[in-house]
Amino acid sequence: MSENKNILQDSHGRDHAYLRISLIERCNLRCSYCMPEEGIQLSPKSHLMTYEEIYEIAKTFVKHGVTKIRLTGGEPLIRKDIPVILEKLATLPVELSITTNAIIIDQFIDVLKANNVRKINVSLDSLDREKFKHITRRDQFERVYNNIFLLIKEGFHVKVNAVLMKDFNDNEIIDFINFTKDLPISVRFIEFMPFDGNKWDMSKMVSYKEVMNYVNDSFTEDQIERIQDAPNDTSKNYKITGYQGSFAIISSVTNPFCDSCNRLRLTANGQLKNCLFSAMESDLLTTLREGKSIEPIIEKAVKAKFKIRGGMDTLEKLQEPKLHNNNRSMITIGG
């Protein structure tokens, strides 16, 4: 390693204190923007991190300054040893959170509480049952909807993530905002992003500007409050005066937050990705299994991080399929 002991600082001066760990490539939904229609080639089980390996890798990142870990998938709660993983990671001095589709989260309320997981991000792209069924290819809307209310009742801090797609759910933007009227939740609108197999193009995307056009057409200027964004926040945050909850826009395509990015991603098969948009991966798991230090690999991967969107620093580059088709499908990266 170099003399610079901060192995989680990249060449642009960004310190990375947030690690997102994907636990599994499988899911109990089949969302079209996340999983290719034909499915994916799953990694053999022997290629996936065990709970001990997840803990060892996480411990190394925490040693070097990671203070937040978010567990993702696929759907992380379908992994059979999730209680053990939570118990192990809860021993580290980090804020532990999870992203889920919430279909079976009612079975894990006690486990989450016992391991001090208080922040839950729920993926929900429509408040309409038929639309939900269309995009997820599963009829599970009622379970997700009811479990959101259960999480709130049980005292969890809930964020709802909705990927917007033109002529599909963009007419629900105001419905989602009104969902926050009587509930202490944050709804976050996410611009549709390009990944392998999701048939992305700019014409399907609903931009930050377009979201705000809907908002400005439905509420008066003095009703729309701009909320102070948290440090390293991915979203631009708002609320409607008098509403319990809030809403936000994650504009990774049209208005990226790369300057303040502090996130790294670990895939379920032990590959480190320094950016969601980058096809570049660094194999930590093989080195760990060989009994060698993973620190030099982490340092090299972090130092190689591009300033903006994996090198796609213009919309023109983002629209060039060969620049993002080599990336994984979203389900194998982790939400």
Protein backbone atom coordinates (compact mmCIF):
# COMPACT_ATOMS: atom_id res chain seq x y z
CA MET A 1 0.00 0.00 0.00
CA SER A 2 1.03 3.59 -0.48
CA GLU A 3 2.12 5.86 2.34
CA ASN A 4 -1.35 7.42 2.24
CA LYS A 5 -3.08 5.28 4.82
CA ASN A 6 -6.53 6.50 3.80
CA ILE A 7 -7.18 3.74 1.30
CA LEU A 8 -10.81 4.84 0.93
CA GLN A 9 -9.96 8.29 -0.47
CA ASP A 10 -9.99 8.51 -4.26
CA SER A 11 -7.85 10.67 -6.54
CA HIS A 12 -10.52 13.39 -6.47
CA GLY A 13 -10.35 13.76 -2.70
CA ARG A 14 -13.60 11.93 -1.93
CA ASP A 15 -13.63 9.83 1.24
CA HIS A 16 -15.79 6.71 1.10
CA ALA A 17 -17.57 5.98 4.37
CA TYR A 18 -20.61 4.14 2.98
CA LEU A 19 -20.54 0.51 1.83
CA ARG A 20 -23.48 -1.18 0.15
CA ILE A 21 -23.28 -4.97 0.35
CA SER A 22 -25.38 -7.17 -1.93
CA LEU A 23 -26.18 -10.44 -0.16
CA ILE A 24 -27.84 -12.36 -2.98
CA GLU A 25 -28.49 -12.20 -6.72
CA ARG A 26 -31.93 -13.77 -6.51
CA CYS A 27 -35.22 -11.97 -5.89
CA ASN A 28 -38.88 -12.82 -5.38
CA LEU A 29 -39.86 -10.11 -7.91
CA ARG A 30 -38.86 -9.65 -11.54
CA CYS A 31 -38.83 -5.86 -12.00
CA SER A 32 -38.19 -4.98 -15.63
CA TYR A 33 -35.69 -2.17 -14.96
CA CYS A 34 -33.68 -4.42 -12.64
CA MET A 35 -33.78 -7.92 -14.15
CA PRO A 36 -33.60 -8.72 -17.88
CA GLU A 37 -36.78 -10.35 -19.20
CA GLU A 38 -34.89 -13.57 -19.99
CA GLY A 39 -33.48 -13.71 -16.45
CA ILE A 40 -29.82 -13.80 -15.50
CA GLN A 41 -27.03 -16.34 -15.17
CA LEU A 42 -26.72 -16.77 -11.41
CA SER A 43 -23.33 -17.19 -9.80
CA PRO A 44 -22.75 -20.69 -8.44
CA LYS A 45 -23.35 -20.83 -4.68
CA SER A 46 -19.66 -21.54 -4.09
CA HIS A 47 -18.83 -18.20 -5.73
CA LEU A 48 -20.99 -16.19 -3.31
CA MET A 49 -19.70 -14.73 -0.07
CA THR A 50 -20.47 -16.68 3.07
CA TYR A 51 -21.64 -14.80 6.14
CA GLU A 52 -18.12 -15.11 7.60
CA GLU A 53 -16.61 -13.61 4.43
CA ILE A 54 -19.15 -10.78 4.39
CA TYR A 55 -18.19 -9.97 7.95
CA GLU A 56 -14.42 -10.13 7.32
CA ILE A 57 -14.62 -7.87 4.28
CA ALA A 58 -16.96 -5.44 6.06
CA LYS A 59 -14.60 -5.37 9.06
CA THR A 60 -11.74 -4.31 6.80
CA PHE A 61 -13.77 -1.44 5.36
CA VAL A 62 -14.86 -0.31 8.83
CA LYS A 63 -11.21 -0.35 9.95
CA HIS A 64 -10.50 2.20 7.22
CA GLY A 65 -13.40 4.54 7.87
CA VAL A 66 -16.71 3.06 6.72
CA THR A 67 -19.44 4.18 9.12
CA LYS A 68 -22.56 3.09 7.18
CA ILE A 69 -23.42 -0.30 5.71
CA ARG A 70 -26.58 -0.96 3.70
CA LEU A 71 -27.61 -4.52 2.83
CA THR A 72 -29.15 -5.03 -0.60
CA GLY A 73 -29.84 -7.78 -3.14
CA GLY A 74 -31.63 -9.08 -5.17
CA GLU A 75 -33.92 -9.32 -2.20
CA PRO A 76 -31.65 -9.62 0.86
CA LEU A 77 -34.34 -11.08 3.12
CA ILE A 78 -34.64 -14.28 1.07
CA ARG A 79 -31.11 -15.24 2.03
CA LYS A 80 -31.53 -17.98 4.64
CA ASP A 81 -28.71 -16.82 6.90
CA ILE A 82 -29.81 -13.17 6.98
CA PRO A 83 -30.34 -13.26 10.78
CA VAL A 84 -26.73 -14.40 11.28
CA ILE A 85 -25.42 -11.78 8.84
CA LEU A 86 -27.30 -9.04 10.68
CA GLU A 87 -26.07 -10.30 14.04
CA LYS A 88 -22.43 -10.33 12.87
CA LEU A 89 -22.51 -6.91 11.22
CA ALA A 90 -24.32 -5.40 14.19
CA THR A 91 -21.15 -5.93 16.24
CA LEU A 92 -19.32 -3.40 14.06
CA PRO A 93 -19.44 0.35 14.90
CA VAL A 94 -21.62 1.26 11.90
CA GLU A 95 -25.12 2.41 11.05
CA LEU A 96 -26.74 -0.69 9.58
CA SER A 97 -29.68 -0.40 7.15
CA ILE A 98 -31.40 -2.44 4.45
CA THR A 99 -33.10 -2.07 1.07
CA THR A 100 -35.97 -4.49 0.43
CA ASN A 101 -39.11 -5.02 -1.60
CA ALA A 102 -40.85 -5.63 1.75
CA ILE A 103 -42.81 -8.69 0.62
CA ILE A 104 -41.65 -10.81 3.58
CA ILE A 105 -40.27 -8.16 5.90
CA ASP A 106 -43.09 -8.74 8.40
CA GLN A 107 -41.28 -11.99 9.30
CA PHE A 108 -38.13 -10.09 10.29
CA ILE A 109 -39.38 -7.24 12.49
CA ASP A 110 -37.89 -8.68 15.68
CA VAL A 111 -34.59 -9.62 14.02
CA LEU A 112 -34.17 -6.13 12.57
CA LYS A 113 -34.93 -4.48 15.90
CA ALA A 114 -32.61 -6.81 17.80
CA ASN A 115 -29.74 -5.77 15.53
CA ASN A 116 -30.55 -2.06 15.62
CA VAL A 117 -31.60 -1.80 11.97
CA ARG A 118 -33.93 1.19 12.03
CA LYS A 119 -33.70 2.54 8.47
CA ILE A 120 -35.56 0.62 5.77
CA ASN A 121 -35.71 1.54 2.09
CA VAL A 122 -38.68 -0.09 0.34
CA SER A 123 -38.80 -0.38 -3.45
CA LEU A 124 -42.31 0.42 -4.71
CA ASP A 125 -42.79 1.81 -8.22
CA SER A 126 -46.56 2.13 -8.31
CA LEU A 127 -49.48 2.63 -5.96
CA ASP A 128 -51.70 0.86 -8.48
CA ARG A 129 -52.01 -2.90 -8.07
CA GLU A 130 -52.17 -3.68 -11.81
CA LYS A 131 -49.19 -1.48 -12.62
CA PHE A 132 -47.26 -3.08 -9.78
CA LYS A 133 -48.09 -6.51 -11.19
CA HIS A 134 -47.02 -5.41 -14.68
CA ILE A 135 -43.61 -4.06 -13.69
CA THR A 136 -42.72 -6.70 -11.09
CA ARG A 137 -44.32 -9.63 -12.96
CA ARG A 138 -45.75 -10.69 -9.60
CA ASP A 139 -49.07 -9.98 -7.82
CA GLN A 140 -47.74 -8.91 -4.42
CA PHE A 141 -48.88 -5.29 -4.11
CA GLU A 142 -51.07 -5.79 -1.04
CA ARG A 143 -48.26 -7.41 0.94
CA VAL A 144 -45.82 -4.60 0.17
CA TYR A 145 -48.37 -1.87 0.83
CA ASN A 146 -49.49 -3.36 4.13
CA ASN A 147 -45.93 -3.99 5.26
CA ILE A 148 -45.02 -0.32 4.73
CA PHE A 149 -47.71 0.58 7.25
CA LEU A 150 -46.47 -2.18 9.57
CA LEU A 151 -42.91 -0.82 9.45
CA ILE A 152 -44.13 2.67 10.30
CA LYS A 153 -46.22 1.30 13.16
CA GLU A 154 -43.19 -0.57 14.50
CA GLY A 155 -41.16 2.64 14.56
CA PHE A 156 -38.85 2.14 11.58
CA HIS A 157 -37.66 5.08 9.49
CA VAL A 158 -39.07 4.26 6.04
CA LYS A 159 -38.09 5.56 2.63
CA VAL A 160 -40.02 4.47 -0.47
CA ASN A 161 -37.99 4.28 -3.69
CA ALA A 162 -39.88 4.67 -6.97
CA VAL A 163 -38.13 4.39 -10.33
CA LEU A 164 -40.00 6.65 -12.73
CA MET A 165 -40.69 5.69 -16.34
CA LYS A 166 -42.42 7.89 -18.85
CA ASP A 167 -45.99 6.97 -19.79
CA PHE A 168 -46.01 4.30 -17.12
CA ASN A 169 -45.92 5.73 -13.60
CA ASP A 170 -45.09 9.42 -14.13
CA ASN A 171 -48.80 10.17 -13.71
CA GLU A 172 -48.48 8.86 -10.13
CA ILE A 173 -45.93 11.43 -8.97
CA ILE A 174 -48.54 13.52 -7.16
CA ASP A 175 -50.21 10.39 -5.77
CA PHE A 176 -46.88 9.40 -4.24
CA ILE A 177 -46.37 12.88 -2.79
CA ASN A 178 -49.87 12.78 -1.30
CA PHE A 179 -48.91 9.41 0.20
CA THR A 180 -46.62 11.43 2.49
CA LYS A 181 -49.45 13.65 3.76
CA ASP A 182 -50.35 11.53 6.77
CA LEU A 183 -47.32 9.22 6.92
CA PRO A 184 -43.82 10.02 8.25
CA ILE A 185 -42.09 8.60 5.18
CA SER A 186 -39.87 9.91 2.43
CA VAL A 187 -40.78 9.04 -1.15
CA ARG A 188 -37.78 9.18 -3.45
CA PHE A 189 -38.22 9.44 -7.21
CA ILE A 190 -35.33 7.83 -9.07
CA GLU A 191 -34.42 8.57 -12.66
CA PHE A 192 -34.45 5.42 -14.82
CA MET A 193 -30.80 4.39 -15.27
CA PRO A 194 -29.06 2.22 -17.87
CA PHE A 195 -27.99 -1.31 -16.96
CA ASP A 196 -27.47 -4.50 -18.89
CA GLY A 197 -30.73 -5.94 -20.19
CA ASN A 198 -33.15 -3.20 -19.04
CA LYS A 199 -33.69 -1.65 -22.51
CA TRP A 200 -32.89 1.83 -21.28
CA ASP A 201 -33.10 4.93 -23.40
CA MET A 202 -33.48 8.62 -22.62
CA SER A 203 -37.04 8.76 -23.96
CA LYS A 204 -38.24 6.49 -21.12
CA MET A 205 -36.66 8.60 -18.39
CA VAL A 206 -38.50 11.17 -16.25
CA SER A 207 -35.98 13.86 -15.34
CA TYR A 208 -35.60 15.93 -12.18
CA LYS A 209 -36.93 18.94 -14.09
CA GLU A 210 -39.99 17.02 -15.28
CA VAL A 211 -40.77 15.82 -11.75
CA MET A 212 -40.65 19.38 -10.48
CA ASN A 213 -42.94 20.48 -13.31
CA TYR A 214 -45.57 18.06 -12.00
CA VAL A 215 -45.02 19.36 -8.47
CA ASN A 216 -45.25 23.02 -9.49
CA ASP A 217 -48.43 22.37 -11.45
CA SER A 218 -50.10 20.75 -8.42
CA PHE A 219 -48.90 22.87 -5.50
CA THR A 220 -48.35 26.58 -4.98
CA GLU A 221 -44.86 27.98 -4.59
CA ASP A 222 -45.33 28.66 -0.87
CA GLN A 223 -46.45 25.03 -0.28
CA ILE A 224 -43.26 23.53 -1.68
CA GLU A 225 -40.47 23.54 0.89
CA ARG A 226 -36.86 22.79 -0.02
CA ILE A 227 -35.29 20.70 2.76
CA GLN A 228 -31.60 20.85 3.62
CA ASP A 229 -29.89 17.84 2.06
CA ALA A 230 -27.75 15.70 4.33
CA PRO A 231 -23.98 15.57 3.67
CA ASN A 232 -23.19 13.20 0.78
CA ASP A 233 -26.92 12.93 0.02
CA THR A 234 -27.89 11.38 -3.31
CA SER A 235 -31.20 13.22 -3.42
CA LYS A 236 -32.66 16.70 -3.56
CA ASN A 237 -35.21 16.86 -0.78
CA TYR A 238 -38.57 18.63 -0.50
CA LYS A 239 -41.77 18.53 1.46
CA ILE A 240 -45.25 19.97 1.15
CA THR A 241 -46.19 22.33 3.95
CA GLY A 242 -48.31 20.51 6.54
CA TYR A 243 -47.42 17.03 5.26
CA GLN A 244 -45.87 14.60 7.76
CA GLY A 245 -43.50 13.11 5.24
CA SER A 246 -41.30 14.39 2.45
CA PHE A 247 -40.24 13.60 -1.10
CA ALA A 248 -36.95 13.66 -2.93
CA ILE A 249 -35.48 13.22 -6.40
CA ILE A 250 -32.41 11.13 -7.19
CA SER A 251 -31.21 12.54 -10.50
CA SER A 252 -28.26 10.26 -11.27
CA VAL A 253 -28.67 10.83 -15.02
CA THR A 254 -29.51 14.50 -15.51
CA ASN A 255 -28.00 16.04 -12.39
CA PRO A 256 -25.56 13.56 -10.81
CA PHE A 257 -24.29 13.88 -7.24
CA CYS A 258 -20.82 12.54 -8.08
CA ASP A 259 -18.87 15.43 -6.50
CA SER A 260 -19.92 14.32 -3.02
CA CYS A 261 -20.21 10.58 -3.62
CA ASN A 262 -18.97 8.52 -0.67
CA ARG A 263 -20.35 5.12 -1.75
CA LEU A 264 -18.76 1.82 -2.67
CA ARG A 265 -20.55 -1.40 -3.63
CA LEU A 266 -19.75 -5.01 -2.89
CA THR A 267 -21.53 -7.58 -5.04
CA ALA A 268 -22.80 -10.88 -3.69
CA ASN A 269 -19.92 -12.70 -5.38
CA GLY A 270 -17.34 -10.48 -3.72
CA GLN A 271 -16.56 -7.96 -6.43
CA LEU A 272 -15.92 -4.34 -5.43
CA LYS A 273 -17.52 -1.71 -7.66
CA ASN A 274 -16.34 1.84 -7.12
CA CYS A 275 -19.34 3.30 -8.97
CA LEU A 276 -22.83 2.11 -9.85
CA PHE A 277 -22.28 3.07 -13.49
CA SER A 278 -18.82 1.54 -13.86
CA ALA A 279 -18.25 -1.85 -15.46
CA MET A 280 -14.91 -2.11 -13.67
CA GLU A 281 -14.80 -4.62 -10.79
CA SER A 282 -12.14 -5.72 -8.34
CA ASP A 283 -12.17 -9.27 -6.97
CA LEU A 284 -11.93 -9.21 -3.18
CA LEU A 285 -13.32 -12.67 -2.51
CA THR A 286 -10.65 -14.70 -4.30
CA THR A 287 -7.88 -12.80 -2.53
CA LEU A 288 -9.61 -13.22 0.83
CA ARG A 289 -9.96 -16.97 0.26
CA GLU A 290 -6.26 -17.15 -0.58
CA GLY A 291 -5.52 -15.71 2.85
CA LYS A 292 -4.02 -12.52 1.44
CA SER A 293 -4.77 -8.90 2.35
CA ILE A 294 -7.59 -7.28 0.40
CA GLU A 295 -6.46 -3.78 1.36
CA PRO A 296 -4.20 -3.18 -1.69
CA ILE A 297 -7.06 -4.20 -4.02
CA ILE A 298 -9.48 -1.87 -2.23
CA GLU A 299 -7.01 1.01 -2.41
CA LYS A 300 -6.34 0.49 -6.13
CA ALA A 301 -10.06 0.27 -6.93
CA VAL A 302 -10.92 3.41 -4.97
CA LYS A 303 -8.04 5.40 -6.49
CA ALA A 304 -9.25 4.40 -9.98
CA LYS A 305 -12.74 5.84 -9.49
CA PHE A 306 -13.77 8.27 -12.22
CA LYS A 307 -14.93 11.75 -11.28
CA ILE A 308 -18.37 11.31 -12.87
CA ARG A 309 -20.58 8.24 -13.56
CA GLY A 310 -17.90 5.69 -14.32
CA GLY A 311 -16.37 7.97 -16.96
CA MET A 312 -19.68 8.71 -18.68
CA ASP A 313 -19.42 12.40 -17.92
CA THR A 314 -21.89 13.61 -20.56
CA LEU A 315 -25.41 12.58 -21.53
CA GLU A 316 -24.07 11.75 -24.98
CA LYS A 317 -21.72 9.16 -23.52
CA LEU A 318 -24.48 7.79 -21.31
CA GLN A 319 -26.61 7.20 -24.40
CA GLU A 320 -23.86 5.15 -26.06
CA PRO A 321 -24.90 1.50 -25.42
CA LYS A 322 -21.39 0.07 -25.63
CA LEU A 323 -20.35 2.20 -22.65
CA HIS A 324 -22.92 0.71 -20.26
CA ASN A 325 -23.89 -2.66 -21.72
CA ASN A 326 -20.74 -4.19 -20.25
CA ASN A 327 -22.02 -3.33 -16.79
CA ARG A 328 -24.04 -5.85 -14.80
CA SER A 329 -27.80 -5.95 -14.64
CA MET A 330 -29.03 -4.07 -11.60
CA ILE A 331 -30.08 -7.22 -9.74
CA THR A 332 -26.49 -8.51 -9.67
CA ILE A 333 -25.05 -5.16 -8.56
CA GLY A 334 -27.37 -4.56 -5.65
CA GLY A 335 -30.02 -1.87 -5.22
